[in-house]
Amino acid sequence: MPVVVLSAKFTCQCGVSFFLVFVIFKTMELQFVLLVFPFLWKLSSCLQCYKCDPERLYKNDAVLCEKFDSSSNYVVNCEHSSMCYKRVTTLDLGNGVTTSTTVRGCAAQTMSGNQAKINGKWRPVDTIYDVYEEGCSYDPTDIERTTKSLYCYCRGDLCNGIGKYQASLFLMLVVIINLFIS
């Protein structure tokens, strides 16, 4: 069975370079190849998360979560993280009145000062540590406080938005392939 092998080098916006190799059987329909290629392309991109702060601190260009709308204004590339996070802090003002603030961004997964010996010289490196579990949990130190903080960590592009449900790439691919086969 004749095949065509395509390889390409990609550099994502985070500066990470990688190679993709595509093996396309000549008997495959062009529709299927065109359908699968965008899925493979998406797999090659860097992790993207929503980022916003509850208030402007020192810089005026901070995007506030108060008007969060899941638009591209809030999207950042996470070059030093494999997870996104969202923290919702709720303050109990008494008499049943509460107020909440939300922070979104890339999960902190690196430590400054890491070095590795590369070509005989010590060089700074960014090692991503997998220290969080996916899911949400309350801060255990908030038991006696009037504020409660809910920390949520997730994997996948833009998973720290308003909605909690993200479509699985694999599941979508299987469904579409089944449509072509049947």
N, C-alpha and C. Protein backbone atom coordinates (compact mmCIF):
# COMPACT_ATOMS: atom_id res chain seq x y z
N MET A 1 0.85 -1.17 0.00
CA MET A 1 0.00 0.00 0.00
C MET A 1 0.90 1.24 0.00
N PRO A 2 0.83 2.08 -1.00
CA PRO A 2 1.69 3.27 -1.07
C PRO A 2 1.31 4.28 0.00
N VAL A 3 2.33 4.93 0.55
CA VAL A 3 2.10 5.93 1.58
C VAL A 3 2.87 7.19 1.25
N VAL A 4 2.40 8.29 1.80
CA VAL A 4 3.10 9.57 1.71
C VAL A 4 3.46 9.97 3.13
N VAL A 5 4.72 10.29 3.36
CA VAL A 5 5.15 10.70 4.69
C VAL A 5 5.48 12.18 4.64
N LEU A 6 4.84 12.94 5.48
CA LEU A 6 5.10 14.37 5.58
C LEU A 6 5.65 14.66 6.96
N SER A 7 6.67 15.47 7.04
CA SER A 7 7.15 15.89 8.35
C SER A 7 7.29 17.40 8.33
N ALA A 8 7.07 18.00 9.47
CA ALA A 8 7.14 19.46 9.56
C ALA A 8 7.63 19.85 10.93
N LYS A 9 8.39 20.93 10.98
CA LYS A 9 8.85 21.47 12.26
C LYS A 9 7.94 22.65 12.59
N PHE A 10 7.46 22.67 13.82
CA PHE A 10 6.60 23.74 14.27
C PHE A 10 7.22 24.42 15.48
N THR A 11 7.02 25.71 15.59
CA THR A 11 7.41 26.44 16.79
C THR A 11 6.17 27.16 17.27
N CYS A 12 5.73 26.82 18.47
CA CYS A 12 4.53 27.46 18.99
C CYS A 12 4.90 28.82 19.59
N GLN A 13 3.90 29.57 19.99
CA GLN A 13 4.12 30.92 20.48
C GLN A 13 4.95 30.94 21.74
N CYS A 14 5.02 29.84 22.46
CA CYS A 14 5.83 29.78 23.67
C CYS A 14 7.31 29.61 23.35
N GLY A 15 7.63 29.34 22.09
CA GLY A 15 9.02 29.14 21.71
C GLY A 15 9.45 27.69 21.74
N VAL A 16 8.52 26.77 21.95
CA VAL A 16 8.85 25.35 21.99
C VAL A 16 8.80 24.80 20.56
N SER A 17 9.87 24.16 20.13
CA SER A 17 9.91 23.58 18.79
C SER A 17 9.70 22.08 18.88
N PHE A 18 9.05 21.52 17.88
CA PHE A 18 8.82 20.09 17.84
C PHE A 18 8.56 19.68 16.41
N PHE A 19 8.61 18.39 16.16
CA PHE A 19 8.38 17.87 14.82
C PHE A 19 7.13 17.01 14.83
N LEU A 20 6.35 17.12 13.77
CA LEU A 20 5.20 16.24 13.58
C LEU A 20 5.44 15.45 12.31
N VAL A 21 5.11 14.18 12.35
CA VAL A 21 5.24 13.34 11.17
C VAL A 21 3.85 12.82 10.83
N PHE A 22 3.44 13.04 9.61
CA PHE A 22 2.14 12.58 9.15
C PHE A 22 2.36 11.45 8.16
N VAL A 23 1.67 10.35 8.35
CA VAL A 23 1.71 9.25 7.39
C VAL A 23 0.32 9.20 6.78
N ILE A 24 0.26 9.43 5.49
CA ILE A 24 -1.03 9.48 4.81
C ILE A 24 -1.06 8.35 3.78
N PHE A 25 -1.99 7.46 3.92
CA PHE A 25 -2.15 6.39 2.96
C PHE A 25 -2.82 6.95 1.72
N LYS A 26 -2.32 6.58 0.55
CA LYS A 26 -2.85 7.14 -0.70
C LYS A 26 -4.29 6.72 -0.94
N THR A 27 -4.74 5.65 -0.32
CA THR A 27 -6.11 5.21 -0.54
C THR A 27 -7.11 5.96 0.34
N MET A 28 -6.60 6.75 1.28
CA MET A 28 -7.51 7.49 2.17
C MET A 28 -8.18 8.61 1.39
N GLU A 29 -9.37 8.90 1.76
CA GLU A 29 -10.06 10.00 1.11
C GLU A 29 -9.48 11.32 1.57
N LEU A 30 -9.43 12.28 0.67
CA LEU A 30 -8.89 13.59 0.98
C LEU A 30 -9.68 14.26 2.10
N GLN A 31 -10.99 14.01 2.13
CA GLN A 31 -11.82 14.60 3.18
C GLN A 31 -11.33 14.18 4.56
N PHE A 32 -10.99 12.93 4.70
CA PHE A 32 -10.54 12.43 6.00
C PHE A 32 -9.23 13.07 6.40
N VAL A 33 -8.30 13.20 5.45
CA VAL A 33 -7.01 13.82 5.75
C VAL A 33 -7.21 15.27 6.16
N LEU A 34 -8.06 15.99 5.43
CA LEU A 34 -8.31 17.39 5.77
C LEU A 34 -9.03 17.51 7.10
N LEU A 35 -9.79 16.50 7.47
CA LEU A 35 -10.50 16.52 8.74
C LEU A 35 -9.56 16.25 9.90
N VAL A 36 -8.63 15.32 9.74
CA VAL A 36 -7.73 14.94 10.83
C VAL A 36 -6.64 15.98 11.04
N PHE A 37 -6.17 16.63 9.98
CA PHE A 37 -5.05 17.57 10.10
C PHE A 37 -5.29 18.67 11.13
N PRO A 38 -6.46 19.32 11.17
CA PRO A 38 -6.65 20.35 12.20
C PRO A 38 -6.54 19.81 13.62
N PHE A 39 -6.94 18.56 13.85
CA PHE A 39 -6.82 17.99 15.18
C PHE A 39 -5.35 17.80 15.55
N LEU A 40 -4.55 17.32 14.61
CA LEU A 40 -3.12 17.16 14.86
C LEU A 40 -2.46 18.51 15.06
N TRP A 41 -2.90 19.51 14.32
CA TRP A 41 -2.34 20.85 14.47
C TRP A 41 -2.63 21.38 15.86
N LYS A 42 -3.84 21.19 16.36
CA LYS A 42 -4.20 21.69 17.68
C LYS A 42 -3.36 21.02 18.76
N LEU A 43 -3.05 19.75 18.58
CA LEU A 43 -2.23 19.05 19.56
C LEU A 43 -0.83 19.65 19.66
N SER A 44 -0.42 20.38 18.62
CA SER A 44 0.93 20.89 18.58
C SER A 44 1.08 22.25 19.26
N SER A 45 0.00 22.86 19.66
CA SER A 45 0.11 24.21 20.21
C SER A 45 0.40 24.18 21.71
N CYS A 46 0.80 25.33 22.24
CA CYS A 46 1.11 25.47 23.67
C CYS A 46 -0.19 25.54 24.47
N LEU A 47 -0.06 25.25 25.76
CA LEU A 47 -1.21 25.37 26.65
C LEU A 47 -1.63 26.83 26.74
N GLN A 48 -2.91 27.07 26.63
CA GLN A 48 -3.45 28.41 26.79
C GLN A 48 -4.43 28.40 27.95
N CYS A 49 -4.36 29.45 28.76
CA CYS A 49 -5.27 29.61 29.89
C CYS A 49 -5.85 31.01 29.86
N TYR A 50 -6.97 31.17 30.54
CA TYR A 50 -7.48 32.52 30.77
C TYR A 50 -6.70 33.12 31.92
N LYS A 51 -6.38 34.41 31.82
CA LYS A 51 -5.66 35.10 32.89
C LYS A 51 -6.36 36.41 33.18
N CYS A 52 -6.69 36.62 34.44
CA CYS A 52 -7.25 37.89 34.87
C CYS A 52 -7.06 38.04 36.37
N ASP A 53 -7.04 39.27 36.82
CA ASP A 53 -6.83 39.61 38.22
C ASP A 53 -8.08 40.27 38.78
N PRO A 54 -8.28 40.19 40.10
CA PRO A 54 -9.47 40.81 40.70
C PRO A 54 -9.38 42.33 40.74
N GLU A 55 -8.17 42.87 40.75
CA GLU A 55 -8.00 44.33 40.82
C GLU A 55 -6.68 44.71 40.19
N ARG A 56 -6.56 45.97 39.84
CA ARG A 56 -5.30 46.48 39.30
C ARG A 56 -4.36 46.76 40.47
N LEU A 57 -3.18 46.17 40.41
CA LEU A 57 -2.23 46.38 41.50
C LEU A 57 -1.20 47.42 41.10
N TYR A 58 -0.13 47.00 40.46
CA TYR A 58 0.94 47.92 40.12
C TYR A 58 0.97 48.28 38.64
N LYS A 59 0.40 47.45 37.82
CA LYS A 59 0.43 47.75 36.39
C LYS A 59 -0.98 48.00 35.89
N ASN A 60 -1.10 48.96 35.02
CA ASN A 60 -2.42 49.35 34.54
C ASN A 60 -2.94 48.48 33.41
N ASP A 61 -2.10 47.59 32.87
CA ASP A 61 -2.55 46.76 31.76
C ASP A 61 -3.18 45.44 32.21
N ALA A 62 -3.36 45.24 33.50
CA ALA A 62 -3.97 44.00 34.00
C ALA A 62 -5.43 43.92 33.54
N VAL A 63 -5.81 42.75 33.05
CA VAL A 63 -7.19 42.53 32.63
C VAL A 63 -7.96 42.01 33.84
N LEU A 64 -9.06 42.66 34.15
CA LEU A 64 -9.80 42.32 35.37
C LEU A 64 -10.79 41.19 35.14
N CYS A 65 -10.94 40.34 36.16
CA CYS A 65 -11.90 39.24 36.10
C CYS A 65 -13.34 39.73 36.26
N GLU A 66 -13.49 40.93 36.77
CA GLU A 66 -14.83 41.47 37.02
C GLU A 66 -15.69 41.46 35.75
N LYS A 67 -15.06 41.71 34.60
CA LYS A 67 -15.81 41.75 33.33
C LYS A 67 -15.44 40.56 32.45
N PHE A 68 -15.07 39.43 33.06
CA PHE A 68 -14.63 38.25 32.31
C PHE A 68 -15.73 37.76 31.38
N ASP A 69 -15.36 37.55 30.10
CA ASP A 69 -16.33 37.12 29.10
C ASP A 69 -15.80 36.00 28.18
N SER A 70 -14.74 35.34 28.58
CA SER A 70 -14.13 34.24 27.81
C SER A 70 -13.63 34.67 26.44
N SER A 71 -13.37 35.95 26.24
CA SER A 71 -12.88 36.42 24.95
C SER A 71 -11.37 36.26 24.86
N SER A 72 -10.83 36.51 23.69
CA SER A 72 -9.38 36.37 23.47
C SER A 72 -8.57 37.40 24.25
N ASN A 73 -9.21 38.44 24.77
CA ASN A 73 -8.50 39.44 25.59
C ASN A 73 -7.91 38.82 26.85
N TYR A 74 -8.46 37.70 27.28
CA TYR A 74 -8.04 37.06 28.53
C TYR A 74 -7.11 35.87 28.31
N VAL A 75 -6.81 35.52 27.07
CA VAL A 75 -6.04 34.31 26.77
C VAL A 75 -4.54 34.60 26.82
N VAL A 76 -3.79 33.74 27.52
CA VAL A 76 -2.33 33.83 27.58
C VAL A 76 -1.74 32.45 27.29
N ASN A 77 -0.52 32.43 26.78
CA ASN A 77 0.22 31.18 26.59
C ASN A 77 0.97 30.87 27.87
N CYS A 78 0.91 29.62 28.29
CA CYS A 78 1.57 29.20 29.53
C CYS A 78 2.84 28.45 29.19
N GLU A 79 3.94 29.17 29.11
CA GLU A 79 5.20 28.53 28.72
C GLU A 79 5.84 27.75 29.85
N HIS A 80 5.47 28.01 31.09
CA HIS A 80 6.09 27.33 32.23
C HIS A 80 5.07 26.53 33.03
N SER A 81 4.03 26.06 32.38
CA SER A 81 2.99 25.35 33.11
C SER A 81 2.29 24.34 32.21
N SER A 82 1.78 23.28 32.81
CA SER A 82 0.99 22.29 32.08
C SER A 82 -0.45 22.28 32.57
N MET A 83 -0.78 23.23 33.46
CA MET A 83 -2.14 23.31 34.02
C MET A 83 -2.58 24.77 34.14
N CYS A 84 -3.89 24.96 34.14
CA CYS A 84 -4.48 26.27 34.40
C CYS A 84 -5.07 26.23 35.81
N TYR A 85 -5.29 27.42 36.38
CA TYR A 85 -5.94 27.45 37.69
C TYR A 85 -6.98 28.57 37.74
N LYS A 86 -7.88 28.40 38.69
CA LYS A 86 -8.87 29.43 39.00
C LYS A 86 -9.05 29.43 40.50
N ARG A 87 -8.97 30.59 41.12
CA ARG A 87 -9.19 30.72 42.56
C ARG A 87 -10.37 31.65 42.79
N VAL A 88 -11.35 31.16 43.51
CA VAL A 88 -12.51 31.98 43.87
C VAL A 88 -12.47 32.18 45.38
N THR A 89 -12.33 33.43 45.80
CA THR A 89 -12.30 33.76 47.23
C THR A 89 -13.61 34.43 47.59
N THR A 90 -14.29 33.88 48.58
CA THR A 90 -15.58 34.40 49.01
C THR A 90 -15.45 34.96 50.42
N LEU A 91 -15.95 36.17 50.62
CA LEU A 91 -15.92 36.83 51.92
C LEU A 91 -17.34 36.89 52.46
N ASP A 92 -17.54 36.37 53.67
CA ASP A 92 -18.84 36.41 54.33
C ASP A 92 -18.93 37.72 55.11
N LEU A 93 -19.83 38.61 54.67
CA LEU A 93 -19.99 39.92 55.31
C LEU A 93 -20.99 39.88 56.46
N GLY A 94 -21.62 38.75 56.68
CA GLY A 94 -22.62 38.63 57.74
C GLY A 94 -24.01 38.85 57.21
N ASN A 95 -25.01 38.43 57.96
CA ASN A 95 -26.42 38.56 57.58
C ASN A 95 -26.71 37.94 56.22
N GLY A 96 -25.97 36.89 55.86
CA GLY A 96 -26.21 36.19 54.59
C GLY A 96 -25.66 36.90 53.37
N VAL A 97 -24.90 37.97 53.55
CA VAL A 97 -24.33 38.72 52.43
C VAL A 97 -22.90 38.25 52.20
N THR A 98 -22.58 37.91 50.95
CA THR A 98 -21.22 37.49 50.60
C THR A 98 -20.75 38.26 49.36
N THR A 99 -19.46 38.32 49.19
CA THR A 99 -18.86 38.89 47.99
C THR A 99 -17.73 37.97 47.55
N SER A 100 -17.50 37.87 46.24
CA SER A 100 -16.49 36.96 45.72
C SER A 100 -15.55 37.66 44.76
N THR A 101 -14.31 37.19 44.72
CA THR A 101 -13.34 37.63 43.72
C THR A 101 -12.77 36.39 43.05
N THR A 102 -12.41 36.54 41.79
CA THR A 102 -11.87 35.42 41.02
C THR A 102 -10.54 35.80 40.40
N VAL A 103 -9.62 34.86 40.42
CA VAL A 103 -8.31 35.01 39.77
C VAL A 103 -8.14 33.82 38.86
N ARG A 104 -7.72 34.06 37.62
CA ARG A 104 -7.45 32.99 36.66
C ARG A 104 -6.04 33.13 36.13
N GLY A 105 -5.41 32.01 35.75
CA GLY A 105 -4.08 32.10 35.17
C GLY A 105 -3.46 30.73 34.96
N CYS A 106 -2.16 30.75 34.70
CA CYS A 106 -1.37 29.53 34.54
C CYS A 106 -0.94 29.07 35.93
N ALA A 107 -1.03 27.78 36.19
CA ALA A 107 -0.62 27.25 37.49
C ALA A 107 0.88 27.40 37.67
N ALA A 108 1.29 27.80 38.87
CA ALA A 108 2.72 27.95 39.18
C ALA A 108 3.32 26.56 39.34
N GLN A 109 4.18 26.16 38.41
CA GLN A 109 4.75 24.81 38.45
C GLN A 109 6.26 24.80 38.27
N THR A 110 6.90 25.95 38.35
CA THR A 110 8.36 26.00 38.23
C THR A 110 8.95 26.67 39.46
N MET A 111 10.23 26.41 39.68
CA MET A 111 10.95 27.07 40.77
C MET A 111 12.11 27.84 40.15
N SER A 112 12.33 29.05 40.60
CA SER A 112 13.46 29.81 40.06
C SER A 112 14.76 29.27 40.65
N GLY A 113 15.81 29.37 39.88
CA GLY A 113 17.11 28.93 40.36
C GLY A 113 17.49 27.52 39.96
N ASN A 114 16.61 26.79 39.28
CA ASN A 114 16.97 25.44 38.83
C ASN A 114 18.05 25.51 37.77
N GLN A 115 19.03 24.63 37.87
CA GLN A 115 20.11 24.59 36.89
C GLN A 115 20.38 23.14 36.50
N ALA A 116 20.93 22.99 35.30
CA ALA A 116 21.34 21.67 34.82
C ALA A 116 22.64 21.82 34.06
N LYS A 117 23.42 20.77 34.07
CA LYS A 117 24.69 20.79 33.35
C LYS A 117 24.41 20.44 31.89
N ILE A 118 24.61 21.41 31.01
CA ILE A 118 24.35 21.24 29.59
C ILE A 118 25.65 21.52 28.84
N ASN A 119 26.13 20.54 28.09
CA ASN A 119 27.40 20.67 27.35
C ASN A 119 28.55 21.10 28.26
N GLY A 120 28.58 20.56 29.47
CA GLY A 120 29.68 20.84 30.39
C GLY A 120 29.56 22.13 31.16
N LYS A 121 28.47 22.89 30.98
CA LYS A 121 28.29 24.16 31.70
C LYS A 121 26.94 24.15 32.41
N TRP A 122 26.92 24.76 33.59
CA TRP A 122 25.67 24.88 34.33
C TRP A 122 24.84 26.01 33.72
N ARG A 123 23.60 25.69 33.39
CA ARG A 123 22.70 26.66 32.76
C ARG A 123 21.36 26.66 33.50
N PRO A 124 20.71 27.84 33.54
CA PRO A 124 19.36 27.86 34.14
C PRO A 124 18.38 27.08 33.27
N VAL A 125 17.52 26.31 33.90
CA VAL A 125 16.51 25.53 33.18
C VAL A 125 15.15 25.74 33.85
N ASP A 126 14.13 25.57 33.06
CA ASP A 126 12.76 25.63 33.57
C ASP A 126 12.21 24.22 33.61
N THR A 127 12.16 23.64 34.79
CA THR A 127 11.59 22.32 34.97
C THR A 127 10.17 22.49 35.48
N ILE A 128 9.22 21.89 34.77
CA ILE A 128 7.82 21.98 35.19
C ILE A 128 7.53 20.80 36.11
N TYR A 129 7.15 21.11 37.35
CA TYR A 129 6.83 20.09 38.35
C TYR A 129 5.33 19.87 38.37
N ASP A 130 4.92 18.62 38.35
CA ASP A 130 3.51 18.27 38.37
C ASP A 130 3.07 18.11 39.83
N VAL A 131 2.71 19.21 40.48
CA VAL A 131 2.43 19.20 41.92
C VAL A 131 0.95 19.30 42.27
N TYR A 132 0.10 19.54 41.28
CA TYR A 132 -1.33 19.71 41.55
C TYR A 132 -2.11 18.55 40.97
N GLU A 133 -3.23 18.25 41.62
CA GLU A 133 -4.17 17.27 41.08
C GLU A 133 -5.30 18.04 40.43
N GLU A 134 -5.84 17.47 39.36
CA GLU A 134 -6.97 18.11 38.70
C GLU A 134 -8.17 18.10 39.63
N GLY A 135 -8.92 19.19 39.61
CA GLY A 135 -10.10 19.28 40.44
C GLY A 135 -10.08 20.52 41.31
N CYS A 136 -11.08 20.65 42.15
CA CYS A 136 -11.23 21.82 43.02
C CYS A 136 -11.21 21.40 44.48
N SER A 137 -10.63 22.25 45.31
CA SER A 137 -10.64 22.00 46.75
C SER A 137 -10.53 23.32 47.50
N TYR A 138 -11.11 23.34 48.69
CA TYR A 138 -11.03 24.54 49.53
C TYR A 138 -9.72 24.55 50.29
N ASP A 139 -9.23 25.72 50.58
CA ASP A 139 -8.00 25.89 51.36
C ASP A 139 -8.27 25.42 52.78
N PRO A 140 -7.55 24.40 53.27
CA PRO A 140 -7.82 23.87 54.61
C PRO A 140 -7.49 24.86 55.73
N THR A 141 -6.71 25.89 55.47
CA THR A 141 -6.38 26.87 56.51
C THR A 141 -7.47 27.92 56.68
N ASP A 142 -8.53 27.86 55.87
CA ASP A 142 -9.61 28.85 55.92
C ASP A 142 -10.71 28.50 56.91
N ILE A 143 -10.54 27.48 57.74
CA ILE A 143 -11.61 26.98 58.60
C ILE A 143 -12.15 28.06 59.53
N GLU A 144 -11.29 28.81 60.16
CA GLU A 144 -11.71 29.82 61.14
C GLU A 144 -11.87 31.21 60.52
N ARG A 145 -11.58 31.37 59.26
CA ARG A 145 -11.61 32.69 58.63
C ARG A 145 -12.98 33.01 58.06
N THR A 146 -13.22 34.30 57.84
CA THR A 146 -14.46 34.71 57.19
C THR A 146 -14.34 34.61 55.68
N THR A 147 -13.13 34.39 55.19
CA THR A 147 -12.94 34.18 53.75
C THR A 147 -12.70 32.70 53.48
N LYS A 148 -13.24 32.23 52.39
CA LYS A 148 -13.04 30.85 51.93
C LYS A 148 -12.49 30.92 50.51
N SER A 149 -11.41 30.18 50.26
CA SER A 149 -10.80 30.16 48.93
C SER A 149 -10.94 28.79 48.31
N LEU A 150 -11.51 28.75 47.11
CA LEU A 150 -11.66 27.52 46.34
C LEU A 150 -10.61 27.54 45.24
N TYR A 151 -9.71 26.56 45.24
CA TYR A 151 -8.64 26.45 44.24
C TYR A 151 -9.00 25.35 43.26
N CYS A 152 -9.00 25.67 41.97
CA CYS A 152 -9.30 24.69 40.93
C CYS A 152 -8.13 24.60 39.96
N TYR A 153 -7.70 23.38 39.64
CA TYR A 153 -6.61 23.14 38.70
C TYR A 153 -7.12 22.21 37.61
N CYS A 154 -6.77 22.50 36.37
CA CYS A 154 -7.26 21.69 35.25
C CYS A 154 -6.23 21.64 34.13
N ARG A 155 -6.37 20.64 33.29
CA ARG A 155 -5.49 20.48 32.12
C ARG A 155 -6.31 20.72 30.87
N GLY A 156 -5.68 21.33 29.89
CA GLY A 156 -6.35 21.56 28.61
C GLY A 156 -6.54 23.04 28.37
N ASP A 157 -6.54 23.39 27.10
CA ASP A 157 -6.67 24.79 26.72
C ASP A 157 -7.95 25.41 27.26
N LEU A 158 -7.80 26.56 27.89
CA LEU A 158 -8.90 27.41 28.35
C LEU A 158 -9.87 26.68 29.27
N CYS A 159 -9.36 25.74 30.04
CA CYS A 159 -10.21 24.96 30.94
C CYS A 159 -10.61 25.75 32.19
N ASN A 160 -9.98 26.90 32.45
CA ASN A 160 -10.29 27.67 33.65
C ASN A 160 -11.27 28.80 33.38
N GLY A 161 -12.12 28.61 32.40
CA GLY A 161 -13.14 29.61 32.07
C GLY A 161 -14.35 29.47 32.97
N ILE A 162 -15.47 29.96 32.49
CA ILE A 162 -16.71 29.93 33.26
C ILE A 162 -17.25 28.51 33.33
N GLY A 163 -17.33 27.86 32.17
CA GLY A 163 -17.86 26.50 32.12
C GLY A 163 -16.84 25.49 32.61
N LYS A 164 -17.35 24.37 33.04
CA LYS A 164 -16.49 23.33 33.58
C LYS A 164 -16.32 22.19 32.59
N TYR A 165 -17.16 22.13 31.57
CA TYR A 165 -17.15 21.00 30.66
C TYR A 165 -16.42 21.37 29.38
N GLN A 166 -15.39 20.62 29.06
CA GLN A 166 -14.64 20.80 27.83
C GLN A 166 -14.77 19.52 27.01
N ALA A 167 -15.01 19.67 25.72
CA ALA A 167 -15.15 18.49 24.86
C ALA A 167 -13.81 17.79 24.72
N SER A 168 -13.86 16.51 24.76
CA SER A 168 -12.64 15.72 24.62
C SER A 168 -12.27 15.61 23.15
N LEU A 169 -11.04 15.96 22.82
CA LEU A 169 -10.56 15.89 21.45
C LEU A 169 -10.64 14.46 20.93
N PHE A 170 -10.25 13.51 21.75
CA PHE A 170 -10.27 12.12 21.33
C PHE A 170 -11.70 11.67 21.03
N LEU A 171 -12.63 12.01 21.89
CA LEU A 171 -14.01 11.60 21.70
C LEU A 171 -14.58 12.21 20.42
N MET A 172 -14.29 13.48 20.17
CA MET A 172 -14.78 14.12 18.95
C MET A 172 -14.20 13.44 17.72
N LEU A 173 -12.92 13.10 17.76
CA LEU A 173 -12.27 12.44 16.63
C LEU A 173 -12.90 11.08 16.37
N VAL A 174 -13.17 10.31 17.41
CA VAL A 174 -13.79 8.99 17.25
C VAL A 174 -15.17 9.12 16.64
N VAL A 175 -15.96 10.07 17.09
CA VAL A 175 -17.31 10.27 16.56
C VAL A 175 -17.26 10.64 15.09
N ILE A 176 -16.36 11.53 14.72
CA ILE A 176 -16.27 11.97 13.32
C ILE A 176 -15.78 10.83 12.43
N ILE A 177 -14.83 10.04 12.90
CA ILE A 177 -14.35 8.90 12.12
C ILE A 177 -15.48 7.90 11.91
N ASN A 178 -16.27 7.66 12.95
CA ASN A 178 -17.41 6.75 12.82
C ASN A 178 -18.42 7.25 11.80
N LEU A 179 -18.59 8.55 11.69
CA LEU A 179 -19.50 9.11 10.70
C LEU A 179 -19.01 8.81 9.28
N PHE A 180 -17.71 8.88 9.06
CA PHE A 180 -17.16 8.60 7.74
C PHE A 180 -17.19 7.11 7.41
N ILE A 181 -17.00 6.27 8.42
CA ILE A 181 -16.96 4.83 8.19
C ILE A 181 -18.35 4.29 7.90
N SER A 182 -19.35 4.77 8.60
CA SER A 182 -20.71 4.22 8.42
C SER A 182 -21.44 4.84 7.26
